[in-house]
Amino acid sequence: MGGFAEAALERVRMARSRLAAAQEAGDAYEEAVAADELDDALRIAREHGIDPDAATDSG
């Protein structure tokens, strides 16, 4: 996997993590910001033919 794909998947992983943390904390503002970041990360990955679900694979 190339560097761009790895970076895109890392961005998806981080956005998912941030969204989960915001939801757990009950922080509506942070949740909205994180959801927007996740939407953007997913869009970019898909536009470049990267499977964003690969970001959930371990190893």
N, C-alpha and C. Protein backbone atom coordinates (compact mmCIF):
# COMPACT_ATOMS: atom_id res chain seq x y z
N MET A 1 0.85 -1.17 0.00
CA MET A 1 0.00 0.00 0.00
C MET A 1 0.90 1.24 0.00
N GLY A 2 0.55 2.20 -0.82
CA GLY A 2 1.35 3.41 -0.92
C GLY A 2 1.16 4.35 0.25
N GLY A 3 2.04 5.32 0.30
CA GLY A 3 2.01 6.29 1.40
C GLY A 3 0.72 7.08 1.47
N PHE A 4 0.18 7.47 0.29
CA PHE A 4 -1.05 8.24 0.30
C PHE A 4 -2.19 7.42 0.86
N ALA A 5 -2.28 6.16 0.42
CA ALA A 5 -3.36 5.29 0.90
C ALA A 5 -3.25 5.07 2.40
N GLU A 6 -2.04 4.84 2.88
CA GLU A 6 -1.84 4.66 4.31
C GLU A 6 -2.25 5.90 5.09
N ALA A 7 -1.89 7.07 4.58
CA ALA A 7 -2.26 8.32 5.24
C ALA A 7 -3.77 8.53 5.23
N ALA A 8 -4.41 8.19 4.12
CA ALA A 8 -5.86 8.33 4.02
C ALA A 8 -6.56 7.42 5.02
N LEU A 9 -6.08 6.18 5.12
CA LEU A 9 -6.68 5.23 6.07
C LEU A 9 -6.44 5.67 7.51
N GLU A 10 -5.27 6.21 7.77
CA GLU A 10 -4.98 6.71 9.13
C GLU A 10 -5.91 7.87 9.47
N ARG A 11 -6.16 8.72 8.49
CA ARG A 11 -7.09 9.84 8.72
C ARG A 11 -8.49 9.32 9.04
N VAL A 12 -8.92 8.29 8.35
CA VAL A 12 -10.23 7.69 8.63
C VAL A 12 -10.25 7.10 10.03
N ARG A 13 -9.20 6.36 10.39
CA ARG A 13 -9.12 5.76 11.74
C ARG A 13 -9.18 6.84 12.82
N MET A 14 -8.41 7.89 12.64
CA MET A 14 -8.37 8.96 13.64
C MET A 14 -9.72 9.66 13.75
N ALA A 15 -10.36 9.90 12.62
CA ALA A 15 -11.66 10.57 12.64
C ALA A 15 -12.71 9.69 13.32
N ARG A 16 -12.67 8.39 13.06
CA ARG A 16 -13.61 7.48 13.73
C ARG A 16 -13.38 7.47 15.23
N SER A 17 -12.12 7.46 15.62
CA SER A 17 -11.78 7.46 17.04
C SER A 17 -12.24 8.75 17.71
N ARG A 18 -11.99 9.86 17.05
CA ARG A 18 -12.39 11.16 17.59
C ARG A 18 -13.91 11.26 17.73
N LEU A 19 -14.63 10.73 16.73
CA LEU A 19 -16.09 10.75 16.78
C LEU A 19 -16.59 9.89 17.94
N ALA A 20 -16.03 8.72 18.10
CA ALA A 20 -16.45 7.84 19.20
C ALA A 20 -16.18 8.49 20.55
N ALA A 21 -15.04 9.14 20.69
CA ALA A 21 -14.70 9.80 21.96
C ALA A 21 -15.67 10.94 22.25
N ALA A 22 -16.02 11.70 21.22
CA ALA A 22 -16.95 12.81 21.41
C ALA A 22 -18.34 12.30 21.80
N GLN A 23 -18.76 11.21 21.16
CA GLN A 23 -20.06 10.64 21.49
C GLN A 23 -20.07 10.11 22.92
N GLU A 24 -18.99 9.46 23.31
CA GLU A 24 -18.90 8.92 24.67
C GLU A 24 -18.91 10.04 25.71
N ALA A 25 -18.27 11.17 25.36
CA ALA A 25 -18.20 12.30 26.28
C ALA A 25 -19.48 13.13 26.28
N GLY A 26 -20.34 12.90 25.29
CA GLY A 26 -21.57 13.68 25.19
C GLY A 26 -21.33 15.11 24.75
N ASP A 27 -20.25 15.34 24.02
CA ASP A 27 -19.88 16.68 23.55
C ASP A 27 -20.44 16.89 22.14
N ALA A 28 -21.57 17.56 22.07
CA ALA A 28 -22.28 17.72 20.81
C ALA A 28 -21.46 18.50 19.78
N TYR A 29 -20.78 19.55 20.21
CA TYR A 29 -19.97 20.33 19.27
C TYR A 29 -18.83 19.48 18.71
N GLU A 30 -18.08 18.83 19.58
CA GLU A 30 -16.96 18.00 19.13
C GLU A 30 -17.46 16.85 18.25
N GLU A 31 -18.63 16.33 18.56
CA GLU A 31 -19.21 15.27 17.75
C GLU A 31 -19.50 15.76 16.33
N ALA A 32 -20.05 16.97 16.22
CA ALA A 32 -20.34 17.53 14.90
C ALA A 32 -19.06 17.77 14.11
N VAL A 33 -18.03 18.30 14.77
CA VAL A 33 -16.75 18.55 14.10
C VAL A 33 -16.14 17.23 13.65
N ALA A 34 -16.15 16.23 14.53
CA ALA A 34 -15.57 14.93 14.20
C ALA A 34 -16.35 14.24 13.08
N ALA A 35 -17.66 14.37 13.08
CA ALA A 35 -18.47 13.77 12.02
C ALA A 35 -18.14 14.40 10.67
N ASP A 36 -17.95 15.71 10.65
CA ASP A 36 -17.56 16.38 9.41
C ASP A 36 -16.20 15.91 8.93
N GLU A 37 -15.26 15.76 9.86
CA GLU A 37 -13.92 15.28 9.52
C GLU A 37 -14.00 13.86 8.97
N LEU A 38 -14.81 13.01 9.58
CA LEU A 38 -14.96 11.64 9.10
C LEU A 38 -15.57 11.62 7.70
N ASP A 39 -16.61 12.42 7.49
CA ASP A 39 -17.22 12.50 6.16
C ASP A 39 -16.19 12.89 5.11
N ASP A 40 -15.37 13.89 5.43
CA ASP A 40 -14.35 14.36 4.50
C ASP A 40 -13.30 13.27 4.25
N ALA A 41 -12.85 12.62 5.31
CA ALA A 41 -11.84 11.56 5.17
C ALA A 41 -12.38 10.40 4.33
N LEU A 42 -13.62 10.02 4.57
CA LEU A 42 -14.23 8.94 3.79
C LEU A 42 -14.37 9.32 2.33
N ARG A 43 -14.78 10.55 2.07
CA ARG A 43 -14.95 11.02 0.69
C ARG A 43 -13.62 10.98 -0.06
N ILE A 44 -12.59 11.49 0.57
CA ILE A 44 -11.27 11.51 -0.08
C ILE A 44 -10.78 10.09 -0.36
N ALA A 45 -10.93 9.21 0.62
CA ALA A 45 -10.50 7.82 0.41
C ALA A 45 -11.24 7.20 -0.77
N ARG A 46 -12.55 7.35 -0.79
CA ARG A 46 -13.35 6.73 -1.86
C ARG A 46 -13.02 7.34 -3.22
N GLU A 47 -12.80 8.64 -3.28
CA GLU A 47 -12.46 9.30 -4.55
C GLU A 47 -11.16 8.78 -5.13
N HIS A 48 -10.29 8.24 -4.27
CA HIS A 48 -9.00 7.74 -4.73
C HIS A 48 -8.95 6.21 -4.76
N GLY A 49 -10.13 5.59 -4.71
CA GLY A 49 -10.21 4.14 -4.83
C GLY A 49 -9.70 3.38 -3.63
N ILE A 50 -9.70 4.02 -2.48
CA ILE A 50 -9.23 3.39 -1.24
C ILE A 50 -10.45 2.92 -0.46
N ASP A 51 -10.42 1.67 -0.03
CA ASP A 51 -11.53 1.11 0.75
C ASP A 51 -11.41 1.62 2.19
N PRO A 52 -12.30 2.54 2.60
CA PRO A 52 -12.19 3.08 3.95
C PRO A 52 -12.44 2.04 5.04
N ASP A 53 -13.10 0.94 4.69
CA ASP A 53 -13.31 -0.12 5.68
C ASP A 53 -12.01 -0.84 6.00
N ALA A 54 -11.01 -0.69 5.17
CA ALA A 54 -9.69 -1.27 5.47
C ALA A 54 -9.08 -0.59 6.69
N ALA A 55 -9.58 0.58 7.04
CA ALA A 55 -9.08 1.30 8.21
C ALA A 55 -9.48 0.61 9.50
N THR A 56 -10.44 -0.30 9.43
CA THR A 56 -10.86 -1.01 10.64
C THR A 56 -10.17 -2.35 10.77
N ASP A 57 -9.46 -2.77 9.72
CA ASP A 57 -8.74 -4.04 9.76
C ASP A 57 -7.52 -3.91 10.67
N SER A 58 -7.24 -4.94 11.42
CA SER A 58 -6.05 -4.92 12.26
C SER A 58 -4.94 -5.69 11.56
N GLY A 59 -3.72 -5.09 11.61
CA GLY A 59 -2.57 -5.75 11.02
C GLY A 59 -2.50 -5.49 9.59
